[in-house]
Amino acid sequence: MNKNIIKEKEIKGLQVSKIFSSDSTETLLITLEKDKLFPTHTSPRTTLLVVLEGKIDFHIENKTITLAEHQTYSFEKDIAHHVTAHEDSKFLIIR
């Protein structure tokens, strides 16, 4: 199973925009519509997720972490995870 499916196809209700990139880090802006899914994938680096707007459920290692505006969560690389949105949401991925 390809864990980086996001790079290969468009998913309705999900937008991924790279806003910064260097050799050592990148920042992505993710927009996820209410009741939509950011499918299961992995990150190539340790990551900090920062919710800018809305409310999401972050699913990782058989846990669900609910995050709302201005909340953060960090996680290690290569761990499968997915996100669902309670409402229209925007969050940063800094890795």
Protein backbone atom coordinates (compact mmCIF):
# COMPACT_ATOMS: atom_id res chain seq x y z
CA MET A 1 0.00 0.00 0.00
CA ASN A 2 1.35 3.41 -0.94
CA LYS A 3 1.36 5.60 2.15
CA ASN A 4 1.87 8.78 0.09
CA ILE A 5 -1.35 8.59 -1.93
CA ILE A 6 -1.93 12.33 -1.42
CA LYS A 7 0.84 13.16 -3.91
CA GLU A 8 -0.69 10.98 -6.60
CA LYS A 9 -4.35 11.97 -6.83
CA GLU A 10 -6.77 14.76 -6.03
CA ILE A 11 -9.12 14.11 -3.11
CA LYS A 12 -12.40 16.01 -2.92
CA GLY A 13 -12.53 18.34 0.09
CA LEU A 14 -8.77 18.24 0.69
CA GLN A 15 -6.18 20.75 -0.45
CA VAL A 16 -2.45 20.51 0.29
CA SER A 17 -0.25 23.55 -0.42
CA LYS A 18 3.51 23.68 0.17
CA ILE A 19 4.22 27.13 1.62
CA PHE A 20 7.90 26.67 2.51
CA SER A 21 10.60 24.17 1.63
CA SER A 22 14.34 23.83 2.25
CA ASP A 23 16.80 20.94 2.45
CA SER A 24 15.97 20.36 6.11
CA THR A 25 12.31 21.33 6.56
CA GLU A 26 9.03 22.04 4.86
CA THR A 27 5.72 23.60 5.85
CA LEU A 28 2.43 22.51 4.32
CA LEU A 29 -0.96 24.21 4.63
CA ILE A 30 -3.77 21.66 4.69
CA THR A 31 -7.40 22.62 4.10
CA LEU A 32 -9.92 19.91 4.95
CA GLU A 33 -13.67 20.35 4.56
CA LYS A 34 -16.19 19.25 7.20
CA ASP A 35 -16.73 15.47 7.30
CA LYS A 36 -13.88 14.84 4.83
CA LEU A 37 -10.94 12.50 5.25
CA PHE A 38 -7.21 13.05 4.79
CA PRO A 39 -6.42 9.37 4.03
CA THR A 40 -3.90 7.22 5.83
CA HIS A 41 -0.30 8.17 5.05
CA THR A 42 3.08 8.60 6.75
CA SER A 43 5.45 11.52 7.20
CA PRO A 44 9.12 11.30 6.18
CA ARG A 45 10.18 13.39 9.21
CA THR A 46 9.17 14.12 12.77
CA THR A 47 6.22 16.50 12.40
CA LEU A 48 4.43 19.28 14.25
CA LEU A 49 0.74 19.75 13.37
CA VAL A 50 -0.73 23.19 14.21
CA VAL A 51 -4.49 23.79 13.86
CA LEU A 52 -5.19 27.28 12.53
CA GLU A 53 -8.99 27.05 12.11
CA GLY A 54 -11.69 24.49 12.80
CA LYS A 55 -11.64 21.16 14.64
CA ILE A 56 -10.12 17.85 13.54
CA ASP A 57 -9.63 14.30 14.77
CA PHE A 58 -6.07 13.07 14.32
CA HIS A 59 -5.95 9.26 14.25
CA ILE A 60 -2.60 7.64 15.08
CA GLU A 61 -1.52 4.38 16.74
CA ASN A 62 -5.10 3.34 17.58
CA LYS A 63 -5.75 6.69 19.30
CA THR A 64 -7.91 9.63 18.31
CA ILE A 65 -6.72 13.08 19.34
CA THR A 66 -9.24 15.90 18.90
CA LEU A 67 -7.58 19.21 18.11
CA ALA A 68 -9.15 22.66 17.77
CA GLU A 69 -7.92 26.11 16.82
CA HIS A 70 -4.41 26.94 18.14
CA GLN A 71 -3.77 23.42 19.43
CA THR A 72 -0.71 21.42 18.38
CA TYR A 73 0.39 17.81 18.23
CA SER A 74 3.78 16.35 17.34
CA PHE A 75 4.53 12.84 16.11
CA GLU A 76 7.43 10.77 14.87
CA LYS A 77 8.18 9.91 11.24
CA ASP A 78 6.96 6.77 9.47
CA ILE A 79 3.86 6.25 11.65
CA ALA A 80 0.65 5.73 9.69
CA HIS A 81 -2.04 8.30 10.51
CA HIS A 82 -5.13 9.97 9.04
CA VAL A 83 -7.29 13.03 9.76
CA THR A 84 -11.04 13.68 9.75
CA ALA A 85 -12.66 17.13 10.05
CA HIS A 86 -15.51 18.04 12.43
CA GLU A 87 -15.85 21.35 10.57
CA ASP A 88 -14.05 23.16 7.77
CA SER A 89 -10.47 23.27 9.02
CA LYS A 90 -6.99 24.55 8.18
CA PHE A 91 -3.79 23.28 9.74
CA LEU A 92 -0.06 23.47 9.22
CA ILE A 93 2.27 20.52 8.92
CA ILE A 94 5.83 21.52 9.85
CA ARG A 95 8.35 18.79 9.23
